[in-house]
Amino acid sequence: MLGARESVKRACIVALFPPLLGLCLLGQGKAQNEQSKGNSDQNVQYEVLVKGVAASRAAEIQFKTAFVRLEIRNLAIGHGQTEAIPVPTQILMELRQGSVISSINQEKRERKQGDFWVVEKGSALTLQNPGEVAVIRAIYIFEGNS
């Protein structure tokens, strides 16, 4: 059975259309910040990446033995179709919750929870979520001295 807080979260997500999903998650992050008494490093903060997608703050990993840097983000996708998602580098994606239909360079494919796929740099990427909320772990792979 859902608690009152979970019911409010679910109602917020269901009632709002995709562009407002990011704002809902931002408000949730602010409430968590207030509860943590100033320990902001442990709280996840979200930003609107594009219409329909809220992205967590990037966790960065710079390898010392190779010229590779990773940025790891969680992407929360609301119900419906997203705008084009920027692909500045190769991205490894894992569907952590829900199901989506990915469109990469106009090639559509249904993705289920647990699926992994790669999006090449510069690809045209959109996602369609038939459910309430989908969550994707996105690992951006930057090669070179960046």
Protein backbone atom coordinates (compact mmCIF):
# COMPACT_ATOMS: atom_id res chain seq x y z
CA MET A 1 0.00 0.00 0.00
CA LEU A 2 1.30 3.45 -0.90
CA GLY A 3 1.97 5.95 1.87
CA ALA A 4 0.63 9.48 1.69
CA ARG A 5 3.94 10.83 0.38
CA GLU A 6 4.11 8.19 -2.38
CA SER A 7 0.49 8.91 -3.34
CA VAL A 8 1.27 12.61 -3.69
CA LYS A 9 4.33 11.85 -5.84
CA ARG A 10 2.32 9.52 -8.09
CA ALA A 11 -0.53 12.04 -8.41
CA CYS A 12 1.96 14.79 -9.27
CA ILE A 13 3.55 12.70 -12.02
CA VAL A 14 0.25 11.48 -13.47
CA ALA A 15 -1.42 14.91 -13.40
CA LEU A 16 1.40 16.89 -15.00
CA PHE A 17 2.38 16.65 -18.64
CA PRO A 18 6.04 15.95 -19.56
CA PRO A 19 7.44 19.54 -19.54
CA LEU A 20 6.39 19.94 -15.93
CA LEU A 21 7.91 16.65 -14.79
CA GLY A 22 11.29 18.32 -14.36
CA LEU A 23 9.74 21.04 -12.21
CA CYS A 24 8.05 18.44 -10.02
CA LEU A 25 11.36 16.66 -9.49
CA LEU A 26 13.16 19.96 -8.83
CA GLY A 27 10.64 20.77 -6.09
CA GLN A 28 11.18 17.32 -4.60
CA GLY A 29 14.97 17.92 -4.60
CA LYS A 30 14.52 21.24 -2.77
CA ALA A 31 12.40 19.55 -0.10
CA GLN A 32 15.12 16.92 0.35
CA ASN A 33 17.74 19.68 0.68
CA GLU A 34 15.77 21.33 3.47
CA GLN A 35 15.43 17.99 5.29
CA SER A 36 19.14 17.21 5.02
CA LYS A 37 20.15 20.33 6.99
CA GLY A 38 22.61 21.61 4.42
CA ASN A 39 24.19 18.35 3.27
CA SER A 40 23.54 19.02 -0.44
CA ASP A 41 26.17 16.61 -1.84
CA GLN A 42 24.06 13.60 -0.89
CA ASN A 43 20.87 14.92 -2.50
CA VAL A 44 20.06 14.32 -6.11
CA GLN A 45 19.20 17.49 -8.02
CA TYR A 46 17.40 17.40 -11.34
CA GLU A 47 17.32 19.79 -14.28
CA VAL A 48 15.13 19.81 -17.37
CA LEU A 49 17.31 18.41 -20.16
CA VAL A 50 14.67 18.78 -22.89
CA LYS A 51 10.87 18.77 -22.92
CA GLY A 52 9.84 15.50 -21.28
CA VAL A 53 13.21 14.63 -19.68
CA ALA A 54 14.55 15.53 -16.23
CA ALA A 55 18.25 14.72 -15.72
CA SER A 56 20.12 14.24 -12.45
CA ARG A 57 23.34 16.09 -11.75
CA ALA A 58 26.23 14.31 -13.50
CA ALA A 59 28.61 12.15 -11.51
CA GLU A 60 32.00 12.48 -13.23
CA ILE A 61 34.77 9.88 -13.38
CA GLN A 62 38.14 10.78 -14.95
CA PHE A 63 40.41 7.81 -15.63
CA LYS A 64 44.09 8.42 -14.93
CA THR A 65 45.44 5.56 -17.04
CA ALA A 66 43.32 6.34 -20.13
CA PHE A 67 42.07 9.51 -21.74
CA VAL A 68 38.45 8.74 -20.91
CA ARG A 69 35.96 10.64 -18.78
CA LEU A 70 32.52 9.32 -17.88
CA GLU A 71 29.50 11.37 -16.88
CA ILE A 72 26.74 9.30 -15.32
CA ARG A 73 23.20 10.68 -15.10
CA ASN A 74 19.72 9.37 -14.43
CA LEU A 75 17.11 10.51 -16.91
CA ALA A 76 13.46 10.56 -15.77
CA ILE A 77 11.03 10.53 -18.68
CA GLY A 78 7.38 11.49 -18.29
CA HIS A 79 4.46 10.07 -20.26
CA GLY A 80 4.55 10.90 -23.97
CA GLN A 81 7.13 11.89 -26.57
CA THR A 82 10.33 13.80 -25.71
CA GLU A 83 11.96 16.48 -27.79
CA ALA A 84 15.27 15.63 -29.46
CA ILE A 85 17.83 14.72 -26.79
CA PRO A 86 21.36 16.11 -27.33
CA VAL A 87 24.00 13.45 -28.03
CA PRO A 88 27.36 15.25 -27.59
CA THR A 89 29.28 11.98 -27.31
CA GLN A 90 28.70 8.22 -27.30
CA ILE A 91 26.12 7.27 -24.62
CA LEU A 92 25.56 3.88 -23.02
CA MET A 93 21.94 3.67 -21.82
CA GLU A 94 20.25 1.25 -19.42
CA LEU A 95 16.50 1.26 -18.86
CA ARG A 96 16.15 1.04 -15.08
CA GLN A 97 12.36 1.44 -14.77
CA GLY A 98 9.39 1.31 -17.12
CA SER A 99 9.44 0.81 -20.86
CA VAL A 100 10.21 3.21 -23.70
CA ILE A 101 10.36 3.30 -27.47
CA SER A 102 13.68 4.75 -28.56
CA SER A 103 14.05 6.45 -31.91
CA ILE A 104 17.70 6.67 -32.99
CA ASN A 105 18.15 8.24 -36.41
CA GLN A 106 14.46 7.42 -37.07
CA GLU A 107 14.92 3.72 -36.25
CA LYS A 108 12.39 2.82 -33.55
CA ARG A 109 12.90 0.04 -31.03
CA GLU A 110 10.98 -0.97 -27.93
CA ARG A 111 13.10 -1.11 -24.77
CA LYS A 112 12.17 -3.02 -21.63
CA GLN A 113 13.47 -2.73 -18.08
CA GLY A 114 17.05 -4.03 -17.93
CA ASP A 115 17.86 -3.37 -21.61
CA PHE A 116 21.20 -1.74 -22.56
CA TRP A 117 21.91 0.11 -25.81
CA VAL A 118 24.44 2.54 -27.27
CA VAL A 119 23.67 5.87 -28.93
CA GLU A 120 26.47 7.14 -31.17
CA LYS A 121 27.69 10.75 -31.04
CA GLY A 122 25.56 13.12 -33.10
CA SER A 123 22.62 10.72 -33.47
CA ALA A 124 19.06 12.02 -33.56
CA LEU A 125 17.53 10.61 -30.33
CA THR A 126 13.97 10.81 -29.02
CA LEU A 127 12.14 8.65 -26.52
CA GLN A 128 8.47 7.79 -26.20
CA ASN A 129 7.12 6.62 -22.85
CA PRO A 130 3.73 4.86 -22.96
CA GLY A 131 3.63 4.58 -19.14
CA GLU A 132 3.79 7.05 -16.26
CA VAL A 133 7.54 7.35 -15.62
CA ALA A 134 10.61 5.68 -17.10
CA VAL A 135 14.13 5.98 -15.71
CA ILE A 136 17.26 5.57 -17.82
CA ARG A 137 20.84 5.45 -16.56
CA ALA A 138 22.89 7.34 -19.17
CA ILE A 139 26.68 6.99 -19.20
CA TYR A 140 28.25 9.65 -21.41
CA ILE A 141 31.69 8.51 -22.67
CA PHE A 142 34.09 11.39 -23.44
CA GLU A 143 37.35 10.31 -25.08
CA GLY A 144 40.49 12.42 -25.30
CA ASN A 145 41.92 15.10 -23.02
CA SER A 146 38.60 16.67 -21.99
